[in-house]
Amino acid sequence: MKVTYSYHLNDLPKSLIISGDIAIDTEAMGLNNHRDRLCLVQLADEAGNIHIVHFKDRDYSAENLKALLSNKDSVKIFHFARFDLAIMQKYLNIKLENVFCTKIASKLCRTYTNYHSLSELCTELLNVKLSKYQQTSDWGSDKLNEEQLQYAAKDVIYLHKIREKIVIKLKRENRMQLAEKCFDFLPFKSELDLLGWIDHDIFSHQQG
């Protein structure tokens, strides 16, 4: 199934109005925040409108996007927010607040499985088959193909519904408050990653 999206170069239009909670994802050259540059930020609002911002020119000024993401009143929904928060802090120089991470939520309430990927959540909770074929494609290309843009759009279009389903499970297992405390810590965990503690558990007794 193809989804409809709006493509933007380097920033959102100033005239664009997005209200309510926002699903967010990023695409980068890889998963190393110190080495791999930010290439895309994709958003979906509560009505299902999708916006893809392509940093083709490596221009990260993006004043309109930053203003939207800095709104403390809206919830920002991610899957594996730890990575997205860190790379946006590095390249966009913003620290996001009021975050919901579906991956953390899944690990807290879906303890009957070890599978917590976005595709697994789409399959179980929404009965949707989500292809991850384009995940490792070249996001640094000046011209992205339709398959890449469809992939990027689908990474955010289902996050609102997943959050809705998974909140029910969190409340059922009395872990909603625990999840919220984890979400509150995420911006600090992302900052620790950027400062070099990405592979070190500072809460562990093990030295090093």
C-alpha atoms as a PDB file:
ATOM      1  CA  MET A   1       0.000   0.000   0.000  1.00  0.00           C
ATOM      2  CA  LYS A   2       1.395   3.388  -1.001  1.00  0.00           C
ATOM      3  CA  VAL A   3       1.013   6.336   1.349  1.00  0.00           C
ATOM      4  CA  THR A   4       0.792  10.038   0.527  1.00  0.00           C
ATOM      5  CA  TYR A   5       3.466  12.371   1.829  1.00  0.00           C
ATOM      6  CA  SER A   6       4.790  15.911   1.366  1.00  0.00           C
ATOM      7  CA  TYR A   7       8.482  16.287   0.523  1.00  0.00           C
ATOM      8  CA  HIS A   8      10.450  19.301   1.775  1.00  0.00           C
ATOM      9  CA  LEU A   9      14.054  20.331   1.218  1.00  0.00           C
ATOM     10  CA  ASN A  10      15.997  21.332   4.368  1.00  0.00           C
ATOM     11  CA  ASP A  11      13.009  22.627   6.358  1.00  0.00           C
ATOM     12  CA  LEU A  12       9.231  22.669   6.717  1.00  0.00           C
ATOM     13  CA  PRO A  13       7.320  25.544   5.081  1.00  0.00           C
ATOM     14  CA  LYS A  14       6.741  28.471   7.415  1.00  0.00           C
ATOM     15  CA  SER A  15       3.031  28.445   6.529  1.00  0.00           C
ATOM     16  CA  LEU A  16       2.588  24.805   7.574  1.00  0.00           C
ATOM     17  CA  ILE A  17       0.515  24.304  10.726  1.00  0.00           C
ATOM     18  CA  ILE A  18       0.850  21.003  12.585  1.00  0.00           C
ATOM     19  CA  SER A  19      -0.991  20.600  15.864  1.00  0.00           C
ATOM     20  CA  GLY A  20      -1.387  17.765  18.310  1.00  0.00           C
ATOM     21  CA  ASP A  21       0.991  14.899  18.980  1.00  0.00           C
ATOM     22  CA  ILE A  22       3.609  14.096  16.347  1.00  0.00           C
ATOM     23  CA  ALA A  23       5.152  10.811  15.243  1.00  0.00           C
ATOM     24  CA  ILE A  24       8.810  11.280  14.330  1.00  0.00           C
ATOM     25  CA  ASP A  25      11.589   9.221  12.776  1.00  0.00           C
ATOM     26  CA  THR A  26      14.983   9.932  11.251  1.00  0.00           C
ATOM     27  CA  GLU A  27      17.144   8.373   8.565  1.00  0.00           C
ATOM     28  CA  ALA A  28      20.929   8.642   8.661  1.00  0.00           C
ATOM     29  CA  MET A  29      23.972   7.246   6.912  1.00  0.00           C
ATOM     30  CA  GLY A  30      24.234   4.646   9.669  1.00  0.00           C
ATOM     31  CA  LEU A  31      23.652   4.082  13.376  1.00  0.00           C
ATOM     32  CA  ASN A  32      26.816   5.757  14.682  1.00  0.00           C
ATOM     33  CA  ASN A  33      25.886   9.269  15.808  1.00  0.00           C
ATOM     34  CA  HIS A  34      29.534  10.364  15.860  1.00  0.00           C
ATOM     35  CA  ARG A  35      30.212   9.219  12.301  1.00  0.00           C
ATOM     36  CA  ASP A  36      26.941   9.082  10.364  1.00  0.00           C
ATOM     37  CA  ARG A  37      25.160  12.266   9.340  1.00  0.00           C
ATOM     38  CA  LEU A  38      21.449  13.016   9.575  1.00  0.00           C
ATOM     39  CA  CYS A  39      19.731  12.757   6.178  1.00  0.00           C
ATOM     40  CA  LEU A  40      15.967  12.860   6.809  1.00  0.00           C
ATOM     41  CA  VAL A  41      13.437  13.744   9.462  1.00  0.00           C
ATOM     42  CA  GLN A  42       9.929  12.466   8.812  1.00  0.00           C
ATOM     43  CA  LEU A  43       6.782  13.469  10.701  1.00  0.00           C
ATOM     44  CA  ALA A  44       3.168  12.333  10.898  1.00  0.00           C
ATOM     45  CA  ASP A  45       0.432  14.305  12.623  1.00  0.00           C
ATOM     46  CA  GLU A  46      -2.703  12.940  14.285  1.00  0.00           C
ATOM     47  CA  ALA A  47      -4.651  13.183  11.006  1.00  0.00           C
ATOM     48  CA  GLY A  48      -2.110  11.031   9.169  1.00  0.00           C
ATOM     49  CA  ASN A  49      -0.480  13.840   7.198  1.00  0.00           C
ATOM     50  CA  ILE A  50       3.158  12.942   6.538  1.00  0.00           C
ATOM     51  CA  HIS A  51       6.009  15.390   5.972  1.00  0.00           C
ATOM     52  CA  ILE A  52       9.532  14.375   4.971  1.00  0.00           C
ATOM     53  CA  VAL A  53      12.380  16.855   5.402  1.00  0.00           C
ATOM     54  CA  HIS A  54      15.417  15.965   3.283  1.00  0.00           C
ATOM     55  CA  PHE A  55      18.736  17.552   4.294  1.00  0.00           C
ATOM     56  CA  LYS A  56      20.249  17.099   0.853  1.00  0.00           C
ATOM     57  CA  ASP A  57      22.387  20.230   1.167  1.00  0.00           C
ATOM     58  CA  ARG A  58      23.469  19.450   4.738  1.00  0.00           C
ATOM     59  CA  ASP A  59      21.783  22.682   5.789  1.00  0.00           C
ATOM     60  CA  TYR A  60      20.514  22.021   9.303  1.00  0.00           C
ATOM     61  CA  SER A  61      19.308  25.519  10.172  1.00  0.00           C
ATOM     62  CA  ALA A  62      15.685  24.309   9.738  1.00  0.00           C
ATOM     63  CA  GLU A  63      14.089  27.028  11.848  1.00  0.00           C
ATOM     64  CA  ASN A  64      10.498  25.917  11.235  1.00  0.00           C
ATOM     65  CA  LEU A  65      11.198  22.262  11.962  1.00  0.00           C
ATOM     66  CA  LYS A  66      13.079  23.159  15.127  1.00  0.00           C
ATOM     67  CA  ALA A  67      10.233  25.370  16.319  1.00  0.00           C
ATOM     68  CA  LEU A  68       7.762  22.526  15.823  1.00  0.00           C
ATOM     69  CA  LEU A  69       9.927  19.950  17.585  1.00  0.00           C
ATOM     70  CA  SER A  70      10.663  22.321  20.470  1.00  0.00           C
ATOM     71  CA  ASN A  71       6.978  22.643  21.367  1.00  0.00           C
ATOM     72  CA  LYS A  72       6.782  21.147  24.847  1.00  0.00           C
ATOM     73  CA  ASP A  73       3.009  20.702  24.720  1.00  0.00           C
ATOM     74  CA  SER A  74       2.923  18.043  21.997  1.00  0.00           C
ATOM     75  CA  VAL A  75       3.988  14.457  22.597  1.00  0.00           C
ATOM     76  CA  LYS A  76       6.717  13.254  20.243  1.00  0.00           C
ATOM     77  CA  ILE A  77       6.232   9.584  19.408  1.00  0.00           C
ATOM     78  CA  PHE A  78       9.262   7.546  18.331  1.00  0.00           C
ATOM     79  CA  HIS A  79      10.338   3.965  17.900  1.00  0.00           C
ATOM     80  CA  PHE A  80      13.812   3.723  19.485  1.00  0.00           C
ATOM     81  CA  ALA A  81      13.814   7.378  20.501  1.00  0.00           C
ATOM     82  CA  ARG A  82      17.295   7.094  21.978  1.00  0.00           C
ATOM     83  CA  PHE A  83      18.930   7.232  18.531  1.00  0.00           C
ATOM     84  CA  ASP A  84      16.630   9.858  17.027  1.00  0.00           C
ATOM     85  CA  LEU A  85      16.955  12.234  19.979  1.00  0.00           C
ATOM     86  CA  ALA A  86      20.732  12.001  19.915  1.00  0.00           C
ATOM     87  CA  ILE A  87      21.171  12.592  16.190  1.00  0.00           C
ATOM     88  CA  MET A  88      18.737  15.508  16.202  1.00  0.00           C
ATOM     89  CA  GLN A  89      20.519  17.018  19.184  1.00  0.00           C
ATOM     90  CA  LYS A  90      23.825  16.768  17.330  1.00  0.00           C
ATOM     91  CA  TYR A  91      22.721  18.069  13.929  1.00  0.00           C
ATOM     92  CA  LEU A  92      19.734  20.281  14.731  1.00  0.00           C
ATOM     93  CA  ASN A  93      21.042  21.403  18.126  1.00  0.00           C
ATOM     94  CA  ILE A  94      17.727  20.816  19.892  1.00  0.00           C
ATOM     95  CA  LYS A  95      16.747  18.769  22.927  1.00  0.00           C
ATOM     96  CA  LEU A  96      13.259  17.322  22.665  1.00  0.00           C
ATOM     97  CA  GLU A  97      10.938  16.941  25.647  1.00  0.00           C
ATOM     98  CA  ASN A  98       7.650  15.107  26.186  1.00  0.00           C
ATOM     99  CA  VAL A  99       8.691  11.883  24.430  1.00  0.00           C
ATOM    100  CA  PHE A 100       6.980   8.511  23.992  1.00  0.00           C
ATOM    101  CA  CYS A 101       9.081   5.564  22.770  1.00  0.00           C
ATOM    102  CA  THR A 102       7.151   2.568  21.441  1.00  0.00           C
ATOM    103  CA  LYS A 103      10.217   0.315  21.690  1.00  0.00           C
ATOM    104  CA  ILE A 104      10.701   0.958  25.413  1.00  0.00           C
ATOM    105  CA  ALA A 105       6.954   0.668  25.960  1.00  0.00           C
ATOM    106  CA  SER A 106       6.947  -2.672  24.153  1.00  0.00           C
ATOM    107  CA  LYS A 107       9.784  -4.042  26.267  1.00  0.00           C
ATOM    108  CA  LEU A 108       7.935  -3.047  29.438  1.00  0.00           C
ATOM    109  CA  CYS A 109       4.574  -4.616  28.596  1.00  0.00           C
ATOM    110  CA  ARG A 110       5.215  -7.274  25.911  1.00  0.00           C
ATOM    111  CA  THR A 111       7.427  -9.393  28.152  1.00  0.00           C
ATOM    112  CA  TYR A 112       6.076 -12.550  26.506  1.00  0.00           C
ATOM    113  CA  THR A 113       8.382 -11.943  23.515  1.00  0.00           C
ATOM    114  CA  ASN A 114      11.915 -10.811  22.727  1.00  0.00           C
ATOM    115  CA  TYR A 115      10.837  -9.160  19.477  1.00  0.00           C
ATOM    116  CA  HIS A 116      10.226  -5.427  19.761  1.00  0.00           C
ATOM    117  CA  SER A 117      10.972  -4.042  16.301  1.00  0.00           C
ATOM    118  CA  LEU A 118       8.604  -1.652  14.572  1.00  0.00           C
ATOM    119  CA  SER A 119       7.673  -4.329  12.050  1.00  0.00           C
ATOM    120  CA  GLU A 120       6.831  -6.772  14.875  1.00  0.00           C
ATOM    121  CA  LEU A 121       4.602  -4.194  16.565  1.00  0.00           C
ATOM    122  CA  CYS A 122       2.840  -3.431  13.274  1.00  0.00           C
ATOM    123  CA  THR A 123       2.210  -7.140  12.718  1.00  0.00           C
ATOM    124  CA  GLU A 124       0.902  -7.954  16.204  1.00  0.00           C
ATOM    125  CA  LEU A 125      -0.946  -4.781  17.117  1.00  0.00           C
ATOM    126  CA  LEU A 126      -2.191  -3.547  13.740  1.00  0.00           C
ATOM    127  CA  ASN A 127      -2.095  -6.638  11.523  1.00  0.00           C
ATOM    128  CA  VAL A 128       0.102  -4.698   9.080  1.00  0.00           C
ATOM    129  CA  LYS A 129       3.118  -6.164   7.282  1.00  0.00           C
ATOM    130  CA  LEU A 130       5.853  -3.535   7.254  1.00  0.00           C
ATOM    131  CA  SER A 131       8.770  -4.060   4.892  1.00  0.00           C
ATOM    132  CA  LYS A 132      12.196  -3.004   6.188  1.00  0.00           C
ATOM    133  CA  TYR A 133      13.972  -3.636   2.876  1.00  0.00           C
ATOM    134  CA  GLN A 134      15.047  -0.009   2.395  1.00  0.00           C
ATOM    135  CA  GLN A 135      16.377   0.380   5.947  1.00  0.00           C
ATOM    136  CA  THR A 136      20.001  -0.001   4.865  1.00  0.00           C
ATOM    137  CA  SER A 137      19.782   1.946   1.600  1.00  0.00           C
ATOM    138  CA  ASP A 138      21.883   5.044   0.827  1.00  0.00           C
ATOM    139  CA  TRP A 139      20.027   7.859   2.594  1.00  0.00           C
ATOM    140  CA  GLY A 140      22.792  10.310   1.742  1.00  0.00           C
ATOM    141  CA  SER A 141      21.879  10.364  -1.941  1.00  0.00           C
ATOM    142  CA  ASP A 142      20.990  13.749  -3.448  1.00  0.00           C
ATOM    143  CA  LYS A 143      17.913  12.217  -5.056  1.00  0.00           C
ATOM    144  CA  LEU A 144      15.920   9.670  -3.069  1.00  0.00           C
ATOM    145  CA  ASN A 145      13.812   7.172  -4.989  1.00  0.00           C
ATOM    146  CA  GLU A 146      10.120   6.525  -4.395  1.00  0.00           C
ATOM    147  CA  GLU A 147      10.805   3.261  -2.581  1.00  0.00           C
ATOM    148  CA  GLN A 148      12.987   5.083  -0.055  1.00  0.00           C
ATOM    149  CA  LEU A 149      10.443   7.841   0.483  1.00  0.00           C
ATOM    150  CA  GLN A 150       7.633   5.318   0.924  1.00  0.00           C
ATOM    151  CA  TYR A 151       9.739   3.477   3.480  1.00  0.00           C
ATOM    152  CA  ALA A 152      10.442   6.709   5.375  1.00  0.00           C
ATOM    153  CA  ALA A 153       6.756   7.652   5.369  1.00  0.00           C
ATOM    154  CA  LYS A 154       5.635   4.244   6.627  1.00  0.00           C
ATOM    155  CA  ASP A 155       8.075   4.431   9.523  1.00  0.00           C
ATOM    156  CA  VAL A 156       5.911   7.171  11.068  1.00  0.00           C
ATOM    157  CA  ILE A 157       2.378   6.599   9.753  1.00  0.00           C
ATOM    158  CA  TYR A 158       1.615   3.765  12.195  1.00  0.00           C
ATOM    159  CA  LEU A 159       3.181   5.177  15.369  1.00  0.00           C
ATOM    160  CA  HIS A 160       0.072   6.945  16.668  1.00  0.00           C
ATOM    161  CA  LYS A 161      -1.986   3.732  16.458  1.00  0.00           C
ATOM    162  CA  ILE A 162       0.810   1.656  18.001  1.00  0.00           C
ATOM    163  CA  ARG A 163       1.034   4.063  20.937  1.00  0.00           C
ATOM    164  CA  GLU A 164      -2.725   3.824  21.434  1.00  0.00           C
ATOM    165  CA  LYS A 165      -2.619   0.016  21.515  1.00  0.00           C
ATOM    166  CA  ILE A 166       0.479  -0.246  23.666  1.00  0.00           C
ATOM    167  CA  VAL A 167      -0.743   2.254  26.265  1.00  0.00           C
ATOM    168  CA  ILE A 168      -3.629  -0.135  26.922  1.00  0.00           C
ATOM    169  CA  LYS A 169      -1.122  -2.909  27.664  1.00  0.00           C
ATOM    170  CA  LEU A 170       1.035  -0.659  29.847  1.00  0.00           C
ATOM    171  CA  LYS A 171      -1.963   0.338  31.944  1.00  0.00           C
ATOM    172  CA  ARG A 172      -3.164  -3.248  32.145  1.00  0.00           C
ATOM    173  CA  GLU A 173       0.213  -4.321  33.559  1.00  0.00           C
ATOM    174  CA  ASN A 174       0.435  -1.271  35.860  1.00  0.00           C
ATOM    175  CA  ARG A 175       3.588  -0.047  34.121  1.00  0.00           C
ATOM    176  CA  MET A 176       2.426   3.239  32.611  1.00  0.00           C
ATOM    177  CA  GLN A 177       4.080   5.363  35.293  1.00  0.00           C
ATOM    178  CA  LEU A 178       7.292   3.363  34.969  1.00  0.00           C
ATOM    179  CA  ALA A 179       7.261   3.905  31.200  1.00  0.00           C
ATOM    180  CA  GLU A 180       6.784   7.641  31.640  1.00  0.00           C
ATOM    181  CA  LYS A 181       9.795   7.795  33.963  1.00  0.00           C
ATOM    182  CA  CYS A 182      11.873   5.983  31.339  1.00  0.00           C
ATOM    183  CA  PHE A 183      10.699   8.421  28.663  1.00  0.00           C
ATOM    184  CA  ASP A 184      11.656  11.366  30.880  1.00  0.00           C
ATOM    185  CA  PHE A 185      15.199   9.990  31.117  1.00  0.00           C
ATOM    186  CA  LEU A 186      15.611   9.442  27.370  1.00  0.00           C
ATOM    187  CA  PRO A 187      16.962  12.930  26.493  1.00  0.00           C
ATOM    188  CA  PHE A 188      19.662  12.456  29.128  1.00  0.00           C
ATOM    189  CA  LYS A 189      20.480   8.945  27.881  1.00  0.00           C
ATOM    190  CA  SER A 190      20.850  10.317  24.352  1.00  0.00           C
ATOM    191  CA  GLU A 191      23.164  13.020  25.653  1.00  0.00           C
ATOM    192  CA  LEU A 192      25.267  10.363  27.404  1.00  0.00           C
ATOM    193  CA  ASP A 193      25.490   8.506  24.090  1.00  0.00           C
ATOM    194  CA  LEU A 194      26.764  11.620  22.344  1.00  0.00           C
ATOM    195  CA  LEU A 195      29.335  12.173  25.098  1.00  0.00           C
ATOM    196  CA  GLY A 196      30.793   8.679  24.614  1.00  0.00           C
ATOM    197  CA  TRP A 197      28.908   6.422  27.032  1.00  0.00           C
ATOM    198  CA  ILE A 198      26.897   4.675  24.302  1.00  0.00           C
ATOM    199  CA  ASP A 199      28.361   1.215  25.025  1.00  0.00           C
ATOM    200  CA  HIS A 200      28.776   1.636  28.779  1.00  0.00           C
ATOM    201  CA  ASP A 201      26.073   1.047  31.383  1.00  0.00           C
ATOM    202  CA  ILE A 202      26.781   3.617  34.075  1.00  0.00           C
ATOM    203  CA  PHE A 203      24.335   1.823  36.397  1.00  0.00           C
ATOM    204  CA  SER A 204      26.274  -1.428  36.202  1.00  0.00           C
ATOM    205  CA  HIS A 205      28.544  -2.568  39.059  1.00  0.00           C
ATOM    206  CA  GLN A 206      31.141  -3.614  36.468  1.00  0.00           C
ATOM    207  CA  GLN A 207      34.071  -1.234  36.290  1.00  0.00           C
ATOM    208  CA  GLY A 208      35.014   0.496  33.041  1.00  0.00           C
END
